[in-house]
Every structure is written in C-alpha cells, then in structure tokens.
Amino acid sequence: MATVLSIVGGIVDLVLTLYILVLIARLVLDYIPLFNREWRPKGAGLVAAELVYTVTDPPIRFFRRLVPPLRLGTIALDFGFMLTMISVLILMSIVRALT
C-alpha cells in the first residue's frame, strides 16, 4: 500500500512541478510585450502560448475574483498570479510531506 501512495504522490508532485514551469512560461509571455510591443506569437509559438494561457487562466481568474486587483493611482497590482503560484507551492509541500 505504501508503494501505491508513493507512486501516486510522485505523479502528483510531477504534475505540480510541470504546472510551476507552465506558470513561469506564462510570466515570460506576460512580460514580453512590456519590452517589445510589436511581438506577437506565430506558428508553433502561438499554439504553445494558447496552451499556456488555457491551462493557467482558470486558477488565476479564480484568485482575481477572490482578491480583486489593488488600485494604486494609475497602477493596479494583480495578485491572481502570485496566489496561484503560492497555492501550487503549498500543494507541492503537502504532497511531499505525505509521501
């Protein structure tokens, strides 16, 4: 029974690690337009960007509804990405503690 739990825990940990990498890709895709306003993904990059946004949008939108962006004059601080990243990291530590 312990081996089944460790296998399932390892798979869940791998999935969460891959999700962290997808979140980092989302961060990069969000920052590229700040440095190069004319950049638009094309071809395989467009497919990859669409996949990244499709996978990461639901939890980020959930946290944006929970904690709306904080307005600071002309700037709005969005906590959705940060809360998603922290949640996944907490889940990873729980899974690692249980296996």
PDB file of N, CA and C in Angstrom:
ATOM      1  N   MET A   1       0.814  -1.192   0.000  1.00  0.00           N
ATOM      2  CA  MET A   1       0.000   0.000   0.000  1.00  0.00           C
ATOM      3  C   MET A   1       0.859   1.259   0.000  1.00  0.00           C
ATOM      4  N   ALA A   2       1.985   1.198   0.709  1.00  0.00           N
ATOM      5  CA  ALA A   2       2.862   2.366   0.781  1.00  0.00           C
ATOM      6  C   ALA A   2       3.454   2.682  -0.582  1.00  0.00           C
ATOM      7  N   THR A   3       3.715   1.662  -1.386  1.00  0.00           N
ATOM      8  CA  THR A   3       4.287   1.928  -2.700  1.00  0.00           C
ATOM      9  C   THR A   3       3.275   2.601  -3.615  1.00  0.00           C
ATOM     10  N   VAL A   4       1.999   2.231  -3.491  1.00  0.00           N
ATOM     11  CA  VAL A   4       0.964   2.871  -4.309  1.00  0.00           C
ATOM     12  C   VAL A   4       0.861   4.342  -3.949  1.00  0.00           C
ATOM     13  N   LEU A   5       0.900   4.648  -2.645  1.00  0.00           N
ATOM     14  CA  LEU A   5       0.831   6.029  -2.197  1.00  0.00           C
ATOM     15  C   LEU A   5       2.037   6.824  -2.684  1.00  0.00           C
ATOM     16  N   SER A   6       3.211   6.215  -2.647  1.00  0.00           N
ATOM     17  CA  SER A   6       4.401   6.927  -3.101  1.00  0.00           C
ATOM     18  C   SER A   6       4.378   7.130  -4.612  1.00  0.00           C
ATOM     19  N   ILE A   7       3.835   6.183  -5.359  1.00  0.00           N
ATOM     20  CA  ILE A   7       3.729   6.345  -6.814  1.00  0.00           C
ATOM     21  C   ILE A   7       2.745   7.455  -7.151  1.00  0.00           C
ATOM     22  N   VAL A   8       1.578   7.436  -6.508  1.00  0.00           N
ATOM     23  CA  VAL A   8       0.581   8.487  -6.753  1.00  0.00           C
ATOM     24  C   VAL A   8       1.130   9.842  -6.319  1.00  0.00           C
ATOM     25  N   GLY A   9       1.796   9.883  -5.171  1.00  0.00           N
ATOM     26  CA  GLY A   9       2.399  11.129  -4.705  1.00  0.00           C
ATOM     27  C   GLY A   9       3.462  11.638  -5.658  1.00  0.00           C
ATOM     28  N   GLY A  10       4.254  10.732  -6.207  1.00  0.00           N
ATOM     29  CA  GLY A  10       5.268  11.127  -7.180  1.00  0.00           C
ATOM     30  C   GLY A  10       4.658  11.685  -8.450  1.00  0.00           C
ATOM     31  N   ILE A  11       3.566  11.083  -8.905  1.00  0.00           N
ATOM     32  CA  ILE A  11       2.890  11.569 -10.112  1.00  0.00           C
ATOM     33  C   ILE A  11       2.281  12.945  -9.860  1.00  0.00           C
ATOM     34  N   VAL A  12       1.620  13.109  -8.705  1.00  0.00           N
ATOM     35  CA  VAL A  12       1.026  14.410  -8.374  1.00  0.00           C
ATOM     36  C   VAL A  12       2.115  15.466  -8.245  1.00  0.00           C
ATOM     37  N   ASP A  13       3.235  15.111  -7.629  1.00  0.00           N
ATOM     38  CA  ASP A  13       4.352  16.045  -7.497  1.00  0.00           C
ATOM     39  C   ASP A  13       4.906  16.430  -8.865  1.00  0.00           C
ATOM     40  N   LEU A  14       5.011  15.477  -9.767  1.00  0.00           N
ATOM     41  CA  LEU A  14       5.484  15.766 -11.120  1.00  0.00           C
ATOM     42  C   LEU A  14       4.526  16.707 -11.849  1.00  0.00           C
ATOM     43  N   VAL A  15       3.231  16.452 -11.724  1.00  0.00           N
ATOM     44  CA  VAL A  15       2.233  17.312 -12.374  1.00  0.00           C
ATOM     45  C   VAL A  15       2.314  18.732 -11.814  1.00  0.00           C
ATOM     46  N   LEU A  16       2.452  18.861 -10.507  1.00  0.00           N
ATOM     47  CA  LEU A  16       2.550  20.194  -9.905  1.00  0.00           C
ATOM     48  C   LEU A  16       3.838  20.900 -10.320  1.00  0.00           C
ATOM     49  N   THR A  17       4.932  20.156 -10.439  1.00  0.00           N
ATOM     50  CA  THR A  17       6.188  20.744 -10.906  1.00  0.00           C
ATOM     51  C   THR A  17       6.054  21.233 -12.342  1.00  0.00           C
ATOM     52  N   LEU A  18       5.418  20.433 -13.187  1.00  0.00           N
ATOM     53  CA  LEU A  18       5.187  20.866 -14.570  1.00  0.00           C
ATOM     54  C   LEU A  18       4.284  22.098 -14.612  1.00  0.00           C
ATOM     55  N   TYR A  19       3.307  22.165 -13.714  1.00  0.00           N
ATOM     56  CA  TYR A  19       2.421  23.329 -13.669  1.00  0.00           C
ATOM     57  C   TYR A  19       3.189  24.580 -13.252  1.00  0.00           C
ATOM     58  N   ILE A  20       4.155  24.438 -12.349  1.00  0.00           N
ATOM     59  CA  ILE A  20       5.009  25.572 -11.979  1.00  0.00           C
ATOM     60  C   ILE A  20       5.771  26.061 -13.204  1.00  0.00           C
ATOM     61  N   LEU A  21       6.283  25.138 -14.013  1.00  0.00           N
ATOM     62  CA  LEU A  21       7.002  25.526 -15.229  1.00  0.00           C
ATOM     63  C   LEU A  21       6.077  26.237 -16.214  1.00  0.00           C
ATOM     64  N   VAL A  22       4.832  25.785 -16.310  1.00  0.00           N
ATOM     65  CA  VAL A  22       3.860  26.445 -17.188  1.00  0.00           C
ATOM     66  C   VAL A  22       3.548  27.843 -16.653  1.00  0.00           C
ATOM     67  N   LEU A  23       3.462  27.998 -15.338  1.00  0.00           N
ATOM     68  CA  LEU A  23       3.241  29.324 -14.761  1.00  0.00           C
ATOM     69  C   LEU A  23       4.417  30.259 -15.047  1.00  0.00           C
ATOM     70  N   ILE A  24       5.629  29.734 -15.013  1.00  0.00           N
ATOM     71  CA  ILE A  24       6.799  30.553 -15.345  1.00  0.00           C
ATOM     72  C   ILE A  24       6.753  30.951 -16.818  1.00  0.00           C
ATOM     73  N   ALA A  25       6.329  30.023 -17.689  1.00  0.00           N
ATOM     74  CA  ALA A  25       6.165  30.365 -19.108  1.00  0.00           C
ATOM     75  C   ALA A  25       5.117  31.460 -19.267  1.00  0.00           C
ATOM     76  N   ARG A  26       4.048  31.406 -18.487  1.00  0.00           N
ATOM     77  CA  ARG A  26       3.011  32.443 -18.521  1.00  0.00           C
ATOM     78  C   ARG A  26       3.605  33.788 -18.105  1.00  0.00           C
ATOM     79  N   LEU A  27       4.441  33.781 -17.084  1.00  0.00           N
ATOM     80  CA  LEU A  27       5.083  35.008 -16.635  1.00  0.00           C
ATOM     81  C   LEU A  27       5.944  35.605 -17.742  1.00  0.00           C
ATOM     82  N   VAL A  28       6.708  34.763 -18.417  1.00  0.00           N
ATOM     83  CA  VAL A  28       7.545  35.232 -19.527  1.00  0.00           C
ATOM     84  C   VAL A  28       6.676  35.794 -20.646  1.00  0.00           C
ATOM     85  N   LEU A  29       5.600  35.081 -20.994  1.00  0.00           N
ATOM     86  CA  LEU A  29       4.708  35.556 -22.055  1.00  0.00           C
ATOM     87  C   LEU A  29       4.029  36.868 -21.677  1.00  0.00           C
ATOM     88  N   ASP A  30       3.770  37.083 -20.398  1.00  0.00           N
ATOM     89  CA  ASP A  30       3.164  38.340 -19.965  1.00  0.00           C
ATOM     90  C   ASP A  30       4.159  39.496 -19.979  1.00  0.00           C
ATOM     91  N   TYR A  31       5.446  39.204 -19.791  1.00  0.00           N
ATOM     92  CA  TYR A  31       6.445  40.262 -19.753  1.00  0.00           C
ATOM     93  C   TYR A  31       7.003  40.633 -21.124  1.00  0.00           C
ATOM     94  N   ILE A  32       6.944  39.750 -22.095  1.00  0.00           N
ATOM     95  CA  ILE A  32       7.496  40.050 -23.422  1.00  0.00           C
ATOM     96  C   ILE A  32       6.892  41.319 -24.022  1.00  0.00           C
ATOM     97  N   PRO A  33       5.561  41.523 -23.982  1.00  0.00           N
ATOM     98  CA  PRO A  33       5.012  42.758 -24.563  1.00  0.00           C
ATOM     99  C   PRO A  33       5.484  44.036 -23.865  1.00  0.00           C
ATOM    100  N   LEU A  34       5.940  43.949 -22.631  1.00  0.00           N
ATOM    101  CA  LEU A  34       6.469  45.135 -21.958  1.00  0.00           C
ATOM    102  C   LEU A  34       7.770  45.607 -22.594  1.00  0.00           C
ATOM    103  N   PHE A  35       8.547  44.671 -23.121  1.00  0.00           N
ATOM    104  CA  PHE A  35       9.834  45.011 -23.706  1.00  0.00           C
ATOM    105  C   PHE A  35       9.775  45.162 -25.220  1.00  0.00           C
ATOM    106  N   ASN A  36       8.864  44.464 -25.871  1.00  0.00           N
ATOM    107  CA  ASN A  36       8.732  44.532 -27.327  1.00  0.00           C
ATOM    108  C   ASN A  36       7.243  44.548 -27.665  1.00  0.00           C
ATOM    109  N   ARG A  37       6.700  45.735 -27.856  1.00  0.00           N
ATOM    110  CA  ARG A  37       5.258  45.885 -28.046  1.00  0.00           C
ATOM    111  C   ARG A  37       4.752  45.271 -29.348  1.00  0.00           C
ATOM    112  N   GLU A  38       5.593  45.126 -30.343  1.00  0.00           N
ATOM    113  CA  GLU A  38       5.160  44.581 -31.632  1.00  0.00           C
ATOM    114  C   GLU A  38       5.186  43.059 -31.678  1.00  0.00           C
ATOM    115  N   TRP A  39       5.730  42.418 -30.656  1.00  0.00           N
ATOM    116  CA  TRP A  39       5.867  40.963 -30.679  1.00  0.00           C
ATOM    117  C   TRP A  39       4.517  40.284 -30.539  1.00  0.00           C
ATOM    118  N   ARG A  40       4.269  39.358 -31.427  1.00  0.00           N
ATOM    119  CA  ARG A  40       3.083  38.503 -31.371  1.00  0.00           C
ATOM    120  C   ARG A  40       3.546  37.087 -31.676  1.00  0.00           C
ATOM    121  N   PRO A  41       3.078  36.101 -30.914  1.00  0.00           N
ATOM    122  CA  PRO A  41       3.493  34.723 -31.204  1.00  0.00           C
ATOM    123  C   PRO A  41       2.937  34.266 -32.544  1.00  0.00           C
ATOM    124  N   LYS A  42       3.744  33.482 -33.259  1.00  0.00           N
ATOM    125  CA  LYS A  42       3.341  32.964 -34.569  1.00  0.00           C
ATOM    126  C   LYS A  42       3.654  31.476 -34.632  1.00  0.00           C
ATOM    127  N   GLY A  43       2.909  30.774 -35.437  1.00  0.00           N
ATOM    128  CA  GLY A  43       3.171  29.358 -35.685  1.00  0.00           C
ATOM    129  C   GLY A  43       3.069  28.514 -34.427  1.00  0.00           C
ATOM    130  N   ALA A  44       4.132  27.731 -34.182  1.00  0.00           N
ATOM    131  CA  ALA A  44       4.150  26.840 -33.018  1.00  0.00           C
ATOM    132  C   ALA A  44       4.158  27.638 -31.718  1.00  0.00           C
ATOM    133  N   GLY A  45       4.763  28.824 -31.743  1.00  0.00           N
ATOM    134  CA  GLY A  45       4.759  29.683 -30.555  1.00  0.00           C
ATOM    135  C   GLY A  45       3.361  30.121 -30.169  1.00  0.00           C
ATOM    136  N   LEU A  46       2.527  30.362 -31.178  1.00  0.00           N
ATOM    137  CA  LEU A  46       1.140  30.737 -30.918  1.00  0.00           C
ATOM    138  C   LEU A  46       0.379  29.581 -30.274  1.00  0.00           C
ATOM    139  N   VAL A  47       0.611  28.380 -30.774  1.00  0.00           N
ATOM    140  CA  VAL A  47      -0.041  27.195 -30.202  1.00  0.00           C
ATOM    141  C   VAL A  47       0.424  26.992 -28.757  1.00  0.00           C
ATOM    142  N   ALA A  48       1.723  27.136 -28.518  1.00  0.00           N
ATOM    143  CA  ALA A  48       2.261  26.970 -27.165  1.00  0.00           C
ATOM    144  C   ALA A  48       1.715  28.048 -26.224  1.00  0.00           C
ATOM    145  N   ALA A  49       1.655  29.293 -26.702  1.00  0.00           N
ATOM    146  CA  ALA A  49       1.124  30.381 -25.873  1.00  0.00           C
ATOM    147  C   ALA A  49      -0.346  30.145 -25.550  1.00  0.00           C
ATOM    148  N   GLU A  50      -1.111  29.687 -26.528  1.00  0.00           N
ATOM    149  CA  GLU A  50      -2.530  29.399 -26.289  1.00  0.00           C
ATOM    150  C   GLU A  50      -2.686  28.281 -25.261  1.00  0.00           C
ATOM    151  N   LEU A  51      -1.842  27.263 -25.346  1.00  0.00           N
ATOM    152  CA  LEU A  51      -1.876  26.169 -24.372  1.00  0.00           C
ATOM    153  C   LEU A  51      -1.547  26.681 -22.968  1.00  0.00           C
ATOM    154  N   VAL A  52      -0.520  27.512 -22.873  1.00  0.00           N
ATOM    155  CA  VAL A  52      -0.116  28.062 -21.573  1.00  0.00           C
ATOM    156  C   VAL A  52      -1.250  28.881 -20.965  1.00  0.00           C
ATOM    157  N   TYR A  53      -1.860  29.752 -21.774  1.00  0.00           N
ATOM    158  CA  TYR A  53      -2.944  30.589 -21.251  1.00  0.00           C
ATOM    159  C   TYR A  53      -4.183  29.756 -20.917  1.00  0.00           C
ATOM    160  N   THR A  54      -4.474  28.740 -21.713  1.00  0.00           N
ATOM    161  CA  THR A  54      -5.637  27.888 -21.448  1.00  0.00           C
ATOM    162  C   THR A  54      -5.480  27.128 -20.133  1.00  0.00           C
ATOM    163  N   VAL A  55      -4.273  26.669 -19.847  1.00  0.00           N
ATOM    164  CA  VAL A  55      -4.035  25.884 -18.631  1.00  0.00           C
ATOM    165  C   VAL A  55      -3.978  26.775 -17.386  1.00  0.00           C
ATOM    166  N   THR A  56      -3.447  27.986 -17.525  1.00  0.00           N
ATOM    167  CA  THR A  56      -3.232  28.823 -16.340  1.00  0.00           C
ATOM    168  C   THR A  56      -4.352  29.821 -16.065  1.00  0.00           C
ATOM    169  N   ASP A  57      -5.199  30.110 -17.035  1.00  0.00           N
ATOM    170  CA  ASP A  57      -6.243  31.118 -16.830  1.00  0.00           C
ATOM    171  C   ASP A  57      -7.266  30.774 -15.747  1.00  0.00           C
ATOM    172  N   PRO A  58      -7.814  29.556 -15.683  1.00  0.00           N
ATOM    173  CA  PRO A  58      -8.866  29.305 -14.679  1.00  0.00           C
ATOM    174  C   PRO A  58      -8.456  29.590 -13.225  1.00  0.00           C
ATOM    175  N   PRO A  59      -7.312  29.086 -12.737  1.00  0.00           N
ATOM    176  CA  PRO A  59      -6.984  29.407 -11.339  1.00  0.00           C
ATOM    177  C   PRO A  59      -6.636  30.879 -11.133  1.00  0.00           C
ATOM    178  N   ILE A  60      -5.995  31.497 -12.120  1.00  0.00           N
ATOM    179  CA  ILE A  60      -5.656  32.915 -11.973  1.00  0.00           C
ATOM    180  C   ILE A  60      -6.929  33.749 -11.928  1.00  0.00           C
ATOM    181  N   ARG A  61      -7.892  33.442 -12.798  1.00  0.00           N
ATOM    182  CA  ARG A  61      -9.174  34.161 -12.768  1.00  0.00           C
ATOM    183  C   ARG A  61      -9.909  33.930 -11.448  1.00  0.00           C
ATOM    184  N   PHE A  62      -9.841  32.713 -10.929  1.00  0.00           N
ATOM    185  CA  PHE A  62     -10.473  32.419  -9.641  1.00  0.00           C
ATOM    186  C   PHE A  62      -9.915  33.323  -8.543  1.00  0.00           C
ATOM    187  N   PHE A  63      -8.585  33.432  -8.470  1.00  0.00           N
ATOM    188  CA  PHE A  63      -7.976  34.269  -7.437  1.00  0.00           C
ATOM    189  C   PHE A  63      -8.208  35.752  -7.703  1.00  0.00           C
ATOM    190  N   ARG A  64      -8.338  36.151  -8.967  1.00  0.00           N
ATOM    191  CA  ARG A  64      -8.670  37.548  -9.269  1.00  0.00           C
ATOM    192  C   ARG A  64     -10.066  37.899  -8.768  1.00  0.00           C
ATOM    193  N   ARG A  65     -10.996  36.943  -8.841  1.00  0.00           N
ATOM    194  CA  ARG A  65     -12.337  37.186  -8.302  1.00  0.00           C
ATOM    195  C   ARG A  65     -12.299  37.238  -6.777  1.00  0.00           C
ATOM    196  N   LEU A  66     -11.493  36.381  -6.172  1.00  0.00           N
ATOM    197  CA  LEU A  66     -11.377  36.341  -4.719  1.00  0.00           C
ATOM    198  C   LEU A  66     -10.724  37.609  -4.174  1.00  0.00           C
ATOM    199  N   VAL A  67      -9.603  38.007  -4.790  1.00  0.00           N
ATOM    200  CA  VAL A  67      -8.866  39.201  -4.376  1.00  0.00           C
ATOM    201  C   VAL A  67      -8.746  40.110  -5.595  1.00  0.00           C
ATOM    202  N   PRO A  68      -9.601  41.120  -5.706  1.00  0.00           N
ATOM    203  CA  PRO A  68      -9.530  41.998  -6.874  1.00  0.00           C
ATOM    204  C   PRO A  68      -8.214  42.779  -6.897  1.00  0.00           C
ATOM    205  N   PRO A  69      -7.798  43.218  -8.086  1.00  0.00           N
ATOM    206  CA  PRO A  69      -6.551  43.987  -8.184  1.00  0.00           C
ATOM    207  C   PRO A  69      -6.584  45.231  -7.292  1.00  0.00           C
ATOM    208  N   LEU A  70      -5.464  45.519  -6.674  1.00  0.00           N
ATOM    209  CA  LEU A  70      -5.325  46.666  -5.783  1.00  0.00           C
ATOM    210  C   LEU A  70      -4.943  47.885  -6.613  1.00  0.00           C
ATOM    211  N   ARG A  71      -5.783  48.913  -6.602  1.00  0.00           N
ATOM    212  CA  ARG A  71      -5.524  50.126  -7.379  1.00  0.00           C
ATOM    213  C   ARG A  71      -4.603  51.049  -6.585  1.00  0.00           C
ATOM    214  N   LEU A  72      -3.506  51.428  -7.213  1.00  0.00           N
ATOM    215  CA  LEU A  72      -2.563  52.388  -6.640  1.00  0.00           C
ATOM    216  C   LEU A  72      -2.365  53.511  -7.651  1.00  0.00           C
ATOM    217  N   GLY A  73      -3.279  54.435  -7.681  1.00  0.00           N
ATOM    218  CA  GLY A  73      -3.218  55.508  -8.670  1.00  0.00           C
ATOM    219  C   GLY A  73      -3.517  54.960 -10.048  1.00  0.00           C
ATOM    220  N   THR A  74      -2.548  55.075 -10.957  1.00  0.00           N
ATOM    221  CA  THR A  74      -2.738  54.582 -12.325  1.00  0.00           C
ATOM    222  C   THR A  74      -2.301  53.132 -12.485  1.00  0.00           C
ATOM    223  N   ILE A  75      -1.808  52.542 -11.415  1.00  0.00           N
ATOM    224  CA  ILE A  75      -1.309  51.167 -11.466  1.00  0.00           C
ATOM    225  C   ILE A  75      -2.264  50.262 -10.687  1.00  0.00           C
ATOM    226  N   ALA A  76      -2.456  49.051 -11.181  1.00  0.00           N
ATOM    227  CA  ALA A  76      -3.248  48.054 -10.463  1.00  0.00           C
ATOM    228  C   ALA A  76      -2.373  46.826 -10.211  1.00  0.00           C
ATOM    229  N   LEU A  77      -2.247  46.448  -8.956  1.00  0.00           N
ATOM    230  CA  LEU A  77      -1.484  45.250  -8.610  1.00  0.00           C
ATOM    231  C   LEU A  77      -2.418  44.051  -8.621  1.00  0.00           C
ATOM    232  N   ASP A  78      -2.089  43.085  -9.466  1.00  0.00           N
ATOM    233  CA  ASP A  78      -2.905  41.886  -9.605  1.00  0.00           C
ATOM    234  C   ASP A  78      -2.258  40.759  -8.810  1.00  0.00           C
ATOM    235  N   PHE A  79      -2.997  40.209  -7.862  1.00  0.00           N
ATOM    236  CA  PHE A  79      -2.475  39.155  -7.006  1.00  0.00           C
ATOM    237  C   PHE A  79      -2.842  37.758  -7.491  1.00  0.00           C
ATOM    238  N   GLY A  80      -3.567  37.640  -8.588  1.00  0.00           N
ATOM    239  CA  GLY A  80      -4.021  36.342  -9.077  1.00  0.00           C
ATOM    240  C   GLY A  80      -2.883  35.389  -9.389  1.00  0.00           C
ATOM    241  N   PHE A  81      -1.872  35.874 -10.100  1.00  0.00           N
ATOM    242  CA  PHE A  81      -0.737  35.024 -10.462  1.00  0.00           C
ATOM    243  C   PHE A  81       0.027  34.592  -9.217  1.00  0.00           C
ATOM    244  N   MET A  82       0.286  35.551  -8.341  1.00  0.00           N
ATOM    245  CA  MET A  82       1.066  35.254  -7.142  1.00  0.00           C
ATOM    246  C   MET A  82       0.343  34.247  -6.242  1.00  0.00           C
ATOM    247  N   LEU A  83      -0.962  34.412  -6.072  1.00  0.00           N
ATOM    248  CA  LEU A  83      -1.720  33.479  -5.240  1.00  0.00           C
ATOM    249  C   LEU A  83      -1.781  32.091  -5.867  1.00  0.00           C
ATOM    250  N   THR A  84      -1.847  32.028  -7.194  1.00  0.00           N
ATOM    251  CA  THR A  84      -1.823  30.730  -7.870  1.00  0.00           C
ATOM    252  C   THR A  84      -0.485  30.032  -7.643  1.00  0.00           C
ATOM    253  N   MET A  85       0.600  30.771  -7.805  1.00  0.00           N
ATOM    254  CA  MET A  85       1.937  30.202  -7.605  1.00  0.00           C
ATOM    255  C   MET A  85       2.117  29.734  -6.158  1.00  0.00           C
ATOM    256  N   ILE A  86       1.703  30.543  -5.203  1.00  0.00           N
ATOM    257  CA  ILE A  86       1.838  30.169  -3.793  1.00  0.00           C
ATOM    258  C   ILE A  86       0.995  28.935  -3.481  1.00  0.00           C
ATOM    259  N   SER A  87      -0.212  28.872  -4.034  1.00  0.00           N
ATOM    260  CA  SER A  87      -1.085  27.714  -3.799  1.00  0.00           C
ATOM    261  C   SER A  87      -0.462  26.429  -4.325  1.00  0.00           C
ATOM    262  N   VAL A  88       0.114  26.498  -5.513  1.00  0.00           N
ATOM    263  CA  VAL A  88       0.743  25.301  -6.087  1.00  0.00           C
ATOM    264  C   VAL A  88       1.964  24.898  -5.258  1.00  0.00           C
ATOM    265  N   LEU A  89       2.740  25.866  -4.806  1.00  0.00           N
ATOM    266  CA  LEU A  89       3.902  25.546  -3.975  1.00  0.00           C
ATOM    267  C   LEU A  89       3.482  24.923  -2.643  1.00  0.00           C
ATOM    268  N   ILE A  90       2.396  25.410  -2.054  1.00  0.00           N
ATOM    269  CA  ILE A  90       1.889  24.817  -0.811  1.00  0.00           C
ATOM    270  C   ILE A  90       1.408  23.394  -1.064  1.00  0.00           C
ATOM    271  N   LEU A  91       0.687  23.190  -2.170  1.00  0.00           N
ATOM    272  CA  LEU A  91       0.242  21.833  -2.518  1.00  0.00           C
ATOM    273  C   LEU A  91       1.429  20.897  -2.713  1.00  0.00           C
ATOM    274  N   MET A  92       2.485  21.404  -3.353  1.00  0.00           N
ATOM    275  CA  MET A  92       3.680  20.578  -3.552  1.00  0.00           C
ATOM    276  C   MET A  92       4.295  20.176  -2.214  1.00  0.00           C
ATOM    277  N   SER A  93       4.374  21.110  -1.282  1.00  0.00           N
ATOM    278  CA  SER A  93       4.972  20.770   0.016  1.00  0.00           C
ATOM    279  C   SER A  93       4.096  19.785   0.787  1.00  0.00           C
ATOM    280  N   ILE A  94       2.774  19.898   0.656  1.00  0.00           N
ATOM    281  CA  ILE A  94       1.875  18.941   1.314  1.00  0.00           C
ATOM    282  C   ILE A  94       2.049  17.548   0.718  1.00  0.00           C
ATOM    283  N   VAL A  95       2.100  17.474  -0.613  1.00  0.00           N
ATOM    284  CA  VAL A  95       2.263  16.173  -1.278  1.00  0.00           C
ATOM    285  C   VAL A  95       3.595  15.549  -0.896  1.00  0.00           C
ATOM    286  N   ARG A  96       4.651  16.350  -0.851  1.00  0.00           N
ATOM    287  CA  ARG A  96       5.965  15.808  -0.489  1.00  0.00           C
ATOM    288  C   ARG A  96       6.006  15.359   0.965  1.00  0.00           C
ATOM    289  N   ALA A  97       5.265  16.043   1.834  1.00  0.00           N
ATOM    290  CA  ALA A  97       5.237  15.640   3.244  1.00  0.00           C
ATOM    291  C   ALA A  97       4.463  14.336   3.433  1.00  0.00           C
ATOM    292  N   LEU A  98       3.458  14.105   2.595  1.00  0.00           N
ATOM    293  CA  LEU A  98       2.639  12.903   2.728  1.00  0.00           C
ATOM    294  C   LEU A  98       3.275  11.671   2.098  1.00  0.00           C
ATOM    295  N   THR A  99       4.232  11.861   1.192  1.00  0.00           N
ATOM    296  CA  THR A  99       4.839  10.697   0.524  1.00  0.00           C
ATOM    297  C   THR A  99       6.214  10.404   1.064  1.00  0.00           C
TER     298      THR A  99
END
